Structures are given as C-alpha cells and as structure tokens.
Amino acid sequence: MAGGDGAMAMTPYVLIVAGSDSSGGAGMARDIETVSAFGLRSCLAVTAVTVQTHSALERIEQMPPELIAAQMRAAFAANTVAAIKIGMLGTAAAIEAVSEVLASNPQVPAVLDPVLASTSGRVLLEEDAIDALCRDLMPVCQLVTPNLVELAALIESALASDEERVRLQGEELSKTLGTAVLVKGGHGRGRKSLDFLLQPGNPAIQFEAPRLRQGMRGTGCMLSSAIAASLALGISLEESVCAGKQFVFDALARSATT
C-alpha cells in the first residue's frame, strides 16, 4: 500500500480551481475529463456549487474563501502539482485567497479562464471583483484566456470590431498584467476562428482554424484545462496553446457527427 501511495504521489497532477456544474456541461466536469484525456490526474478546489441545466443557471452557492485556499493547500500537500487551471471565482475575497496560494507556489504555471458570465448570460463574477482579478490574480498566472466579451470588460473598452482591434486590446491587457494573454476568437464572425497569443515583449502569434457551426458548452473550460495539462507535461506555452486548440477543435468536430 505504501509503495502504491508513493507512486501516486509522483504522478503529475493538474490542480483544478473552479465551480461545479450539475449538468456536467462545463466547470469541473469538463476540466477533469480534459485533463484525463491528456493522461494526467486532477486534484480539486471547489470554488462554487451551481444548480444548472444546459440552458439555465438556477442557483449559485459560493464557497468561503478560506475553504477554497485550504483545498488548494491540501492538494499541494498531497500531490505533485505540475500546473493549475483556474475557472470560476465569484468574489474579490475568493480571488485574493487563490492569489495568496499561487504566490506561495510560484514555480507552478497557472492558466486562468476569467469567467465573468455564464453561457445563459448570468453574471458569475461580482463587479467589484474585476479589479481584484486584474490586480492580484492575473499577474501571477502564466496565461489568461479571455474571450472577446471578457477582454473588453477587463480593459474597460467597447467590444473589438475587427481583428486588428482584437490584437491591440490583447496587447494592452498583456502589457498591463505583465503576463501572457490568449484572446479567444470563438465568439467572433467570419469563416475562420482566430486566436491571438500576446506575450510582453514578443510579437503576437496568431492561431487560425475553420469556424465550425455547431456549438458546445464548456469549450472555454476545455481549452484552459488542455493548455494547463500540456504545461504540466513540460510543453512550451506556444505548443501548449496549439495542443489545447486542437483538442477543442477535435471535440467540436466529433460533436457534429454524433
């Protein structure tokens, strides 16, 4: 038994810091299955419990900030955490608690999916928490993955009207934070979906894929988790983004045939 425990402790883990989704369509359910697809194990810090279907979010119960931090510390104590994926954080206090744990583990790369609202449009992050997100948490993450709507909200700007404006907004956020930003173009228009990876001091890197007509809940969770899993495997940031993009594209393509 002791030997088995030792082997498990050496397995790289991805620590998932996110909310639950009772429908299984997004949140931790998507995160865990994505990390598993990359051959890794997950450990968890639940930030919120939600009651939702695939079309409506009915109730949210936020976890106490000290409980979120305690779960994270326990995960680090129990496992070899090689990367962190952060999703839904509802309050400024929760953001600060998570930031403090990350600051104590600066060697572990963290990928933040800045979830501001649900697919159905319900606000998931309190308005006064956006400042805390930008000030305390984003700068200690290796990568932040906003969609176009989230990007505009984070820099307090109008929604980007074209690809050039998307890139400029992403550069502004990356420069302000001092960290890498992946702007997701899935909510845009046109035949192709364009994402931009912006890193301080480096030229923008563009990722292009055919725009698939079908949609799927939880693709943002899948992408950030896939990137975190790739980073946990020791892959570079750019290659991790490529792997994450391919994983989501393949999942969407499969859903079109089922």
C-alpha atoms as a PDB file:
ATOM      1  CA  MET A   1       0.000   0.000   0.000  1.00  0.00           C
ATOM      2  CA  ALA A   2       2.790   2.407   0.900  1.00  0.00           C
ATOM      3  CA  GLY A   3       4.507   1.805  -2.427  1.00  0.00           C
ATOM      4  CA  GLY A   4       1.297   2.489  -4.314  1.00  0.00           C
ATOM      5  CA  ASP A   5       0.776   5.727  -2.417  1.00  0.00           C
ATOM      6  CA  GLY A   6       4.322   6.788  -3.267  1.00  0.00           C
ATOM      7  CA  ALA A   7       3.832   6.100  -6.970  1.00  0.00           C
ATOM      8  CA  MET A   8       0.592   8.086  -6.960  1.00  0.00           C
ATOM      9  CA  ALA A   9       2.276  10.997  -5.210  1.00  0.00           C
ATOM     10  CA  MET A  10       4.870  11.165  -8.035  1.00  0.00           C
ATOM     11  CA  THR A  11       2.210  11.346 -10.783  1.00  0.00           C
ATOM     12  CA  PRO A  12       1.927  14.893 -12.156  1.00  0.00           C
ATOM     13  CA  TYR A  13      -1.402  16.454 -11.234  1.00  0.00           C
ATOM     14  CA  VAL A  14      -3.320  19.418 -12.541  1.00  0.00           C
ATOM     15  CA  LEU A  15      -4.981  21.354  -9.738  1.00  0.00           C
ATOM     16  CA  ILE A  16      -8.425  22.493 -10.893  1.00  0.00           C
ATOM     17  CA  VAL A  17      -9.766  25.543  -9.074  1.00  0.00           C
ATOM     18  CA  ALA A  18     -13.306  26.020 -10.377  1.00  0.00           C
ATOM     19  CA  GLY A  19     -17.020  25.667  -9.810  1.00  0.00           C
ATOM     20  CA  SER A  20     -19.122  22.551 -10.188  1.00  0.00           C
ATOM     21  CA  ASP A  21     -21.793  22.209 -12.866  1.00  0.00           C
ATOM     22  CA  SER A  22     -24.641  19.823 -12.073  1.00  0.00           C
ATOM     23  CA  SER A  23     -25.387  19.382 -15.795  1.00  0.00           C
ATOM     24  CA  GLY A  24     -21.830  18.171 -16.474  1.00  0.00           C
ATOM     25  CA  GLY A  25     -21.567  20.514 -19.439  1.00  0.00           C
ATOM     26  CA  ALA A  26     -18.959  22.906 -18.070  1.00  0.00           C
ATOM     27  CA  GLY A  27     -16.888  23.684 -14.999  1.00  0.00           C
ATOM     28  CA  MET A  28     -15.090  20.944 -13.142  1.00  0.00           C
ATOM     29  CA  ALA A  29     -16.753  18.127 -15.089  1.00  0.00           C
ATOM     30  CA  ARG A  30     -15.229  19.402 -18.342  1.00  0.00           C
ATOM     31  CA  ASP A  31     -11.917  20.175 -16.658  1.00  0.00           C
ATOM     32  CA  ILE A  32     -11.474  16.690 -15.201  1.00  0.00           C
ATOM     33  CA  GLU A  33     -12.334  14.850 -18.406  1.00  0.00           C
ATOM     34  CA  THR A  34      -9.963  17.100 -20.370  1.00  0.00           C
ATOM     35  CA  VAL A  35      -7.036  16.582 -18.011  1.00  0.00           C
ATOM     36  CA  SER A  36      -7.732  12.832 -18.082  1.00  0.00           C
ATOM     37  CA  ALA A  37      -7.606  12.855 -21.895  1.00  0.00           C
ATOM     38  CA  PHE A  38      -4.003  14.086 -21.618  1.00  0.00           C
ATOM     39  CA  GLY A  39      -3.128  11.136 -19.379  1.00  0.00           C
ATOM     40  CA  LEU A  40      -2.907  13.173 -16.175  1.00  0.00           C
ATOM     41  CA  ARG A  41      -4.738  13.168 -12.875  1.00  0.00           C
ATOM     42  CA  SER A  42      -6.731  16.000 -11.324  1.00  0.00           C
ATOM     43  CA  CYS A  43      -6.965  17.372  -7.808  1.00  0.00           C
ATOM     44  CA  LEU A  44      -9.628  19.873  -6.902  1.00  0.00           C
ATOM     45  CA  ALA A  45     -10.527  23.072  -5.101  1.00  0.00           C
ATOM     46  CA  VAL A  46     -14.246  23.751  -5.450  1.00  0.00           C
ATOM     47  CA  THR A  47     -14.988  27.495  -5.615  1.00  0.00           C
ATOM     48  CA  ALA A  48     -18.755  27.315  -6.040  1.00  0.00           C
ATOM     49  CA  VAL A  49     -21.593  24.817  -6.301  1.00  0.00           C
ATOM     50  CA  THR A  50     -24.100  25.576  -9.031  1.00  0.00           C
ATOM     51  CA  VAL A  51     -27.534  24.265  -9.918  1.00  0.00           C
ATOM     52  CA  GLN A  52     -27.885  24.373 -13.676  1.00  0.00           C
ATOM     53  CA  THR A  53     -29.095  22.636 -16.792  1.00  0.00           C
ATOM     54  CA  HIS A  54     -27.619  23.022 -20.261  1.00  0.00           C
ATOM     55  CA  SER A  55     -29.816  26.079 -20.829  1.00  0.00           C
ATOM     56  CA  ALA A  56     -30.190  27.825 -17.472  1.00  0.00           C
ATOM     57  CA  LEU A  57     -28.223  28.621 -14.325  1.00  0.00           C
ATOM     58  CA  GLU A  58     -30.655  28.442 -11.421  1.00  0.00           C
ATOM     59  CA  ARG A  59     -28.569  28.853  -8.277  1.00  0.00           C
ATOM     60  CA  ILE A  60     -25.009  29.541  -7.112  1.00  0.00           C
ATOM     61  CA  GLU A  61     -23.530  28.875  -3.690  1.00  0.00           C
ATOM     62  CA  GLN A  62     -20.075  30.402  -3.274  1.00  0.00           C
ATOM     63  CA  MET A  63     -17.538  28.564  -1.143  1.00  0.00           C
ATOM     64  CA  PRO A  64     -15.930  30.516   1.726  1.00  0.00           C
ATOM     65  CA  PRO A  65     -12.563  31.927   0.591  1.00  0.00           C
ATOM     66  CA  GLU A  66     -10.658  30.227   3.417  1.00  0.00           C
ATOM     67  CA  LEU A  67     -12.156  26.880   2.349  1.00  0.00           C
ATOM     68  CA  ILE A  68     -11.001  27.404  -1.250  1.00  0.00           C
ATOM     69  CA  ALA A  69      -7.467  28.196  -0.074  1.00  0.00           C
ATOM     70  CA  ALA A  70      -7.452  25.218   2.318  1.00  0.00           C
ATOM     71  CA  GLN A  71      -8.444  22.862  -0.521  1.00  0.00           C
ATOM     72  CA  MET A  72      -5.599  24.210  -2.661  1.00  0.00           C
ATOM     73  CA  ARG A  73      -3.040  23.818   0.113  1.00  0.00           C
ATOM     74  CA  ALA A  74      -4.212  20.257   0.769  1.00  0.00           C
ATOM     75  CA  ALA A  75      -3.886  19.434  -2.925  1.00  0.00           C
ATOM     76  CA  PHE A  76      -0.299  20.710  -2.932  1.00  0.00           C
ATOM     77  CA  ALA A  77       0.487  18.754   0.237  1.00  0.00           C
ATOM     78  CA  ALA A  78      -0.950  15.512  -1.158  1.00  0.00           C
ATOM     79  CA  ASN A  79       0.220  15.561  -4.772  1.00  0.00           C
ATOM     80  CA  THR A  80       2.892  16.650  -7.232  1.00  0.00           C
ATOM     81  CA  VAL A  81       1.007  19.592  -8.751  1.00  0.00           C
ATOM     82  CA  ALA A  82       2.575  20.431 -12.103  1.00  0.00           C
ATOM     83  CA  ALA A  83       0.039  23.025 -13.326  1.00  0.00           C
ATOM     84  CA  ILE A  84      -3.066  24.852 -12.155  1.00  0.00           C
ATOM     85  CA  LYS A  85      -6.265  25.644 -14.054  1.00  0.00           C
ATOM     86  CA  ILE A  86      -8.432  28.387 -12.556  1.00  0.00           C
ATOM     87  CA  GLY A  87     -12.011  28.967 -13.619  1.00  0.00           C
ATOM     88  CA  MET A  88     -15.000  30.462 -11.827  1.00  0.00           C
ATOM     89  CA  LEU A  89     -14.189  32.784  -8.926  1.00  0.00           C
ATOM     90  CA  GLY A  90     -17.227  34.713  -7.770  1.00  0.00           C
ATOM     91  CA  THR A  91     -15.891  37.244  -5.283  1.00  0.00           C
ATOM     92  CA  ALA A  92     -12.926  39.501  -4.615  1.00  0.00           C
ATOM     93  CA  ALA A  93     -12.244  37.617  -1.374  1.00  0.00           C
ATOM     94  CA  ALA A  94     -12.020  34.317  -3.270  1.00  0.00           C
ATOM     95  CA  ILE A  95      -9.656  35.883  -5.795  1.00  0.00           C
ATOM     96  CA  GLU A  96      -7.394  37.161  -3.040  1.00  0.00           C
ATOM     97  CA  ALA A  97      -7.365  33.754  -1.318  1.00  0.00           C
ATOM     98  CA  VAL A  98      -6.373  31.978  -4.531  1.00  0.00           C
ATOM     99  CA  SER A  99      -3.737  34.627  -5.286  1.00  0.00           C
ATOM    100  CA  GLU A 100      -2.074  34.067  -1.924  1.00  0.00           C
ATOM    101  CA  VAL A 101      -1.769  30.320  -2.516  1.00  0.00           C
ATOM    102  CA  LEU A 102      -0.321  30.905  -6.002  1.00  0.00           C
ATOM    103  CA  ALA A 103       2.207  33.351  -4.573  1.00  0.00           C
ATOM    104  CA  SER A 104       3.411  30.571  -2.257  1.00  0.00           C
ATOM    105  CA  ASN A 105       3.910  28.234  -5.251  1.00  0.00           C
ATOM    106  CA  PRO A 106       5.414  30.475  -7.955  1.00  0.00           C
ATOM    107  CA  GLN A 107       7.135  27.571  -9.729  1.00  0.00           C
ATOM    108  CA  VAL A 108       3.799  26.032 -10.808  1.00  0.00           C
ATOM    109  CA  PRO A 109       2.290  27.516 -14.005  1.00  0.00           C
ATOM    110  CA  ALA A 110      -1.318  28.659 -13.695  1.00  0.00           C
ATOM    111  CA  VAL A 111      -3.820  29.149 -16.522  1.00  0.00           C
ATOM    112  CA  LEU A 112      -6.748  31.447 -15.741  1.00  0.00           C
ATOM    113  CA  ASP A 113     -10.024  31.334 -17.660  1.00  0.00           C
ATOM    114  CA  PRO A 114     -11.599  34.634 -16.481  1.00  0.00           C
ATOM    115  CA  VAL A 115     -15.211  33.501 -16.265  1.00  0.00           C
ATOM    116  CA  LEU A 116     -17.338  36.649 -15.998  1.00  0.00           C
ATOM    117  CA  ALA A 117     -20.742  35.302 -17.062  1.00  0.00           C
ATOM    118  CA  SER A 118     -22.478  32.008 -17.826  1.00  0.00           C
ATOM    119  CA  THR A 119     -23.441  30.933 -21.336  1.00  0.00           C
ATOM    120  CA  SER A 120     -27.025  31.911 -20.491  1.00  0.00           C
ATOM    121  CA  GLY A 121     -25.836  35.415 -19.567  1.00  0.00           C
ATOM    122  CA  ARG A 122     -25.940  35.309 -15.776  1.00  0.00           C
ATOM    123  CA  VAL A 123     -23.132  37.284 -14.122  1.00  0.00           C
ATOM    124  CA  LEU A 124     -20.731  34.962 -12.280  1.00  0.00           C
ATOM    125  CA  LEU A 125     -18.187  37.486 -11.022  1.00  0.00           C
ATOM    126  CA  GLU A 126     -19.174  40.392  -8.802  1.00  0.00           C
ATOM    127  CA  GLU A 127     -18.433  43.749 -10.444  1.00  0.00           C
ATOM    128  CA  ASP A 128     -16.051  44.904  -7.726  1.00  0.00           C
ATOM    129  CA  ALA A 129     -14.086  41.668  -8.140  1.00  0.00           C
ATOM    130  CA  ILE A 130     -12.787  42.529 -11.622  1.00  0.00           C
ATOM    131  CA  ASP A 131     -10.281  44.973 -10.131  1.00  0.00           C
ATOM    132  CA  ALA A 132      -9.029  42.246  -7.772  1.00  0.00           C
ATOM    133  CA  LEU A 133      -8.777  39.827 -10.685  1.00  0.00           C
ATOM    134  CA  CYS A 134      -6.568  42.218 -12.667  1.00  0.00           C
ATOM    135  CA  ARG A 135      -4.562  43.460  -9.697  1.00  0.00           C
ATOM    136  CA  ASP A 136      -3.963  40.335  -7.611  1.00  0.00           C
ATOM    137  CA  LEU A 137      -4.512  37.166  -9.657  1.00  0.00           C
ATOM    138  CA  MET A 138      -3.822  37.654 -13.352  1.00  0.00           C
ATOM    139  CA  PRO A 139      -0.233  38.922 -12.893  1.00  0.00           C
ATOM    140  CA  VAL A 140       0.764  35.710 -11.049  1.00  0.00           C
ATOM    141  CA  CYS A 141      -0.680  33.432 -13.756  1.00  0.00           C
ATOM    142  CA  GLN A 142       1.341  32.274 -16.744  1.00  0.00           C
ATOM    143  CA  LEU A 143      -1.615  32.642 -19.112  1.00  0.00           C
ATOM    144  CA  VAL A 144      -5.028  34.348 -19.118  1.00  0.00           C
ATOM    145  CA  THR A 145      -7.620  33.194 -21.693  1.00  0.00           C
ATOM    146  CA  PRO A 146     -10.420  35.765 -22.181  1.00  0.00           C
ATOM    147  CA  ASN A 147     -12.988  35.656 -24.962  1.00  0.00           C
ATOM    148  CA  LEU A 148     -13.801  38.855 -26.833  1.00  0.00           C
ATOM    149  CA  VAL A 149     -16.525  39.958 -24.406  1.00  0.00           C
ATOM    150  CA  GLU A 150     -14.354  39.258 -21.366  1.00  0.00           C
ATOM    151  CA  LEU A 151     -11.391  41.048 -22.933  1.00  0.00           C
ATOM    152  CA  ALA A 152     -13.432  44.207 -23.490  1.00  0.00           C
ATOM    153  CA  ALA A 153     -14.684  44.112 -19.893  1.00  0.00           C
ATOM    154  CA  LEU A 154     -11.209  43.579 -18.455  1.00  0.00           C
ATOM    155  CA  ILE A 155      -9.759  46.637 -20.190  1.00  0.00           C
ATOM    156  CA  GLU A 156     -12.999  48.639 -19.845  1.00  0.00           C
ATOM    157  CA  SER A 157     -13.394  49.092 -23.580  1.00  0.00           C
ATOM    158  CA  ALA A 158     -16.006  48.558 -26.272  1.00  0.00           C
ATOM    159  CA  LEU A 159     -16.160  45.142 -27.919  1.00  0.00           C
ATOM    160  CA  ALA A 160     -13.476  44.878 -30.617  1.00  0.00           C
ATOM    161  CA  SER A 161     -14.953  45.366 -34.082  1.00  0.00           C
ATOM    162  CA  ASP A 162     -12.187  43.745 -36.141  1.00  0.00           C
ATOM    163  CA  GLU A 163      -9.132  41.521 -35.877  1.00  0.00           C
ATOM    164  CA  GLU A 164      -6.699  44.420 -35.570  1.00  0.00           C
ATOM    165  CA  ARG A 165      -8.639  45.839 -32.644  1.00  0.00           C
ATOM    166  CA  VAL A 166      -8.750  42.399 -31.003  1.00  0.00           C
ATOM    167  CA  ARG A 167      -4.970  42.162 -31.212  1.00  0.00           C
ATOM    168  CA  LEU A 168      -4.486  45.668 -29.844  1.00  0.00           C
ATOM    169  CA  GLN A 169      -6.827  45.006 -26.921  1.00  0.00           C
ATOM    170  CA  GLY A 170      -4.994  41.774 -26.156  1.00  0.00           C
ATOM    171  CA  GLU A 171      -1.639  43.565 -26.266  1.00  0.00           C
ATOM    172  CA  GLU A 172      -2.963  46.227 -23.905  1.00  0.00           C
ATOM    173  CA  LEU A 173      -4.095  43.629 -21.370  1.00  0.00           C
ATOM    174  CA  SER A 174      -0.864  41.626 -21.643  1.00  0.00           C
ATOM    175  CA  LYS A 175       1.269  44.741 -21.164  1.00  0.00           C
ATOM    176  CA  THR A 176      -0.808  45.874 -18.190  1.00  0.00           C
ATOM    177  CA  LEU A 177      -0.649  42.474 -16.498  1.00  0.00           C
ATOM    178  CA  GLY A 178       2.917  41.605 -17.450  1.00  0.00           C
ATOM    179  CA  THR A 179       1.779  38.120 -18.410  1.00  0.00           C
ATOM    180  CA  ALA A 180       0.665  36.175 -21.491  1.00  0.00           C
ATOM    181  CA  VAL A 181      -2.875  36.561 -22.819  1.00  0.00           C
ATOM    182  CA  LEU A 182      -4.657  34.240 -25.252  1.00  0.00           C
ATOM    183  CA  VAL A 183      -7.598  36.059 -26.821  1.00  0.00           C
ATOM    184  CA  LYS A 184     -10.190  33.532 -27.958  1.00  0.00           C
ATOM    185  CA  GLY A 185     -11.954  34.384 -31.203  1.00  0.00           C
ATOM    186  CA  GLY A 186     -14.706  31.795 -30.996  1.00  0.00           C
ATOM    187  CA  HIS A 187     -17.342  34.479 -30.401  1.00  0.00           C
ATOM    188  CA  GLY A 188     -16.260  36.382 -33.489  1.00  0.00           C
ATOM    189  CA  ARG A 189     -17.558  36.173 -37.024  1.00  0.00           C
ATOM    190  CA  GLY A 190     -16.214  35.039 -40.347  1.00  0.00           C
ATOM    191  CA  ARG A 191     -15.291  31.699 -41.864  1.00  0.00           C
ATOM    192  CA  LYS A 192     -12.228  31.296 -39.695  1.00  0.00           C
ATOM    193  CA  SER A 193     -11.755  31.461 -35.944  1.00  0.00           C
ATOM    194  CA  LEU A 194      -8.702  33.498 -34.987  1.00  0.00           C
ATOM    195  CA  ASP A 195      -6.999  33.455 -31.605  1.00  0.00           C
ATOM    196  CA  PHE A 196      -4.107  35.702 -30.614  1.00  0.00           C
ATOM    197  CA  LEU A 197      -1.364  34.854 -28.128  1.00  0.00           C
ATOM    198  CA  LEU A 198       0.158  38.039 -26.744  1.00  0.00           C
ATOM    199  CA  GLN A 199       3.266  37.983 -24.555  1.00  0.00           C
ATOM    200  CA  PRO A 200       5.083  41.007 -23.108  1.00  0.00           C
ATOM    201  CA  GLY A 201       7.999  41.964 -25.328  1.00  0.00           C
ATOM    202  CA  ASN A 202       7.122  39.453 -28.068  1.00  0.00           C
ATOM    203  CA  PRO A 203       5.230  39.769 -31.360  1.00  0.00           C
ATOM    204  CA  ALA A 204       1.667  38.466 -31.476  1.00  0.00           C
ATOM    205  CA  ILE A 205       1.187  34.835 -32.502  1.00  0.00           C
ATOM    206  CA  GLN A 206      -1.969  34.075 -34.484  1.00  0.00           C
ATOM    207  CA  PHE A 207      -3.782  30.738 -34.403  1.00  0.00           C
ATOM    208  CA  GLU A 208      -6.256  30.040 -37.188  1.00  0.00           C
ATOM    209  CA  ALA A 209      -8.872  27.309 -37.510  1.00  0.00           C
ATOM    210  CA  PRO A 210     -12.020  26.770 -39.603  1.00  0.00           C
ATOM    211  CA  ARG A 211     -15.085  28.091 -37.793  1.00  0.00           C
ATOM    212  CA  LEU A 212     -17.387  25.177 -37.027  1.00  0.00           C
ATOM    213  CA  ARG A 213     -21.114  25.873 -36.978  1.00  0.00           C
ATOM    214  CA  GLN A 214     -22.015  23.667 -34.076  1.00  0.00           C
ATOM    215  CA  GLY A 215     -21.572  24.898 -30.552  1.00  0.00           C
ATOM    216  CA  MET A 216     -20.759  23.138 -27.308  1.00  0.00           C
ATOM    217  CA  ARG A 217     -20.915  24.266 -23.708  1.00  0.00           C
ATOM    218  CA  GLY A 218     -17.690  24.251 -21.757  1.00  0.00           C
ATOM    219  CA  THR A 219     -15.243  24.860 -24.594  1.00  0.00           C
ATOM    220  CA  GLY A 220     -13.537  27.613 -22.599  1.00  0.00           C
ATOM    221  CA  CYS A 221     -13.080  25.191 -19.709  1.00  0.00           C
ATOM    222  CA  MET A 222     -11.745  22.554 -22.089  1.00  0.00           C
ATOM    223  CA  LEU A 223      -9.249  24.903 -23.708  1.00  0.00           C
ATOM    224  CA  SER A 224      -7.764  26.253 -20.486  1.00  0.00           C
ATOM    225  CA  SER A 225      -7.602  22.762 -18.965  1.00  0.00           C
ATOM    226  CA  ALA A 226      -5.943  21.335 -22.079  1.00  0.00           C
ATOM    227  CA  ILE A 227      -3.336  24.099 -22.025  1.00  0.00           C
ATOM    228  CA  ALA A 228      -2.705  23.535 -18.306  1.00  0.00           C
ATOM    229  CA  ALA A 229      -2.356  19.780 -18.884  1.00  0.00           C
ATOM    230  CA  SER A 230       0.140  20.396 -21.694  1.00  0.00           C
ATOM    231  CA  LEU A 231       2.157  22.753 -19.495  1.00  0.00           C
ATOM    232  CA  ALA A 232       2.135  20.075 -16.781  1.00  0.00           C
ATOM    233  CA  LEU A 233       3.736  17.722 -19.324  1.00  0.00           C
ATOM    234  CA  GLY A 234       6.587  20.191 -19.827  1.00  0.00           C
ATOM    235  CA  ILE A 235       5.466  21.539 -23.194  1.00  0.00           C
ATOM    236  CA  SER A 236       6.198  25.171 -24.092  1.00  0.00           C
ATOM    237  CA  LEU A 237       3.444  27.771 -23.835  1.00  0.00           C
ATOM    238  CA  GLU A 238       3.026  28.191 -27.591  1.00  0.00           C
ATOM    239  CA  GLU A 239       2.926  24.425 -28.161  1.00  0.00           C
ATOM    240  CA  SER A 240       0.518  24.041 -25.241  1.00  0.00           C
ATOM    241  CA  VAL A 241      -1.848  26.555 -26.830  1.00  0.00           C
ATOM    242  CA  CYS A 242      -1.624  24.631 -30.116  1.00  0.00           C
ATOM    243  CA  ALA A 243      -2.421  21.383 -28.326  1.00  0.00           C
ATOM    244  CA  GLY A 244      -5.343  22.965 -26.486  1.00  0.00           C
ATOM    245  CA  LYS A 245      -6.780  24.476 -29.652  1.00  0.00           C
ATOM    246  CA  GLN A 246      -6.542  21.142 -31.473  1.00  0.00           C
ATOM    247  CA  PHE A 247      -8.202  19.322 -28.573  1.00  0.00           C
ATOM    248  CA  VAL A 248     -11.205  21.670 -28.595  1.00  0.00           C
ATOM    249  CA  PHE A 249     -11.473  21.634 -32.401  1.00  0.00           C
ATOM    250  CA  ASP A 250     -11.500  17.831 -32.425  1.00  0.00           C
ATOM    251  CA  ALA A 251     -14.178  17.752 -29.703  1.00  0.00           C
ATOM    252  CA  LEU A 252     -16.374  20.156 -31.680  1.00  0.00           C
ATOM    253  CA  ALA A 253     -15.840  18.180 -34.889  1.00  0.00           C
ATOM    254  CA  ARG A 254     -16.844  14.956 -33.134  1.00  0.00           C
ATOM    255  CA  SER A 255     -19.976  16.567 -31.740  1.00  0.00           C
ATOM    256  CA  ALA A 256     -21.075  17.412 -35.263  1.00  0.00           C
ATOM    257  CA  THR A 257     -21.147  13.735 -36.208  1.00  0.00           C
ATOM    258  CA  THR A 258     -22.993  12.418 -33.131  1.00  0.00           C
END
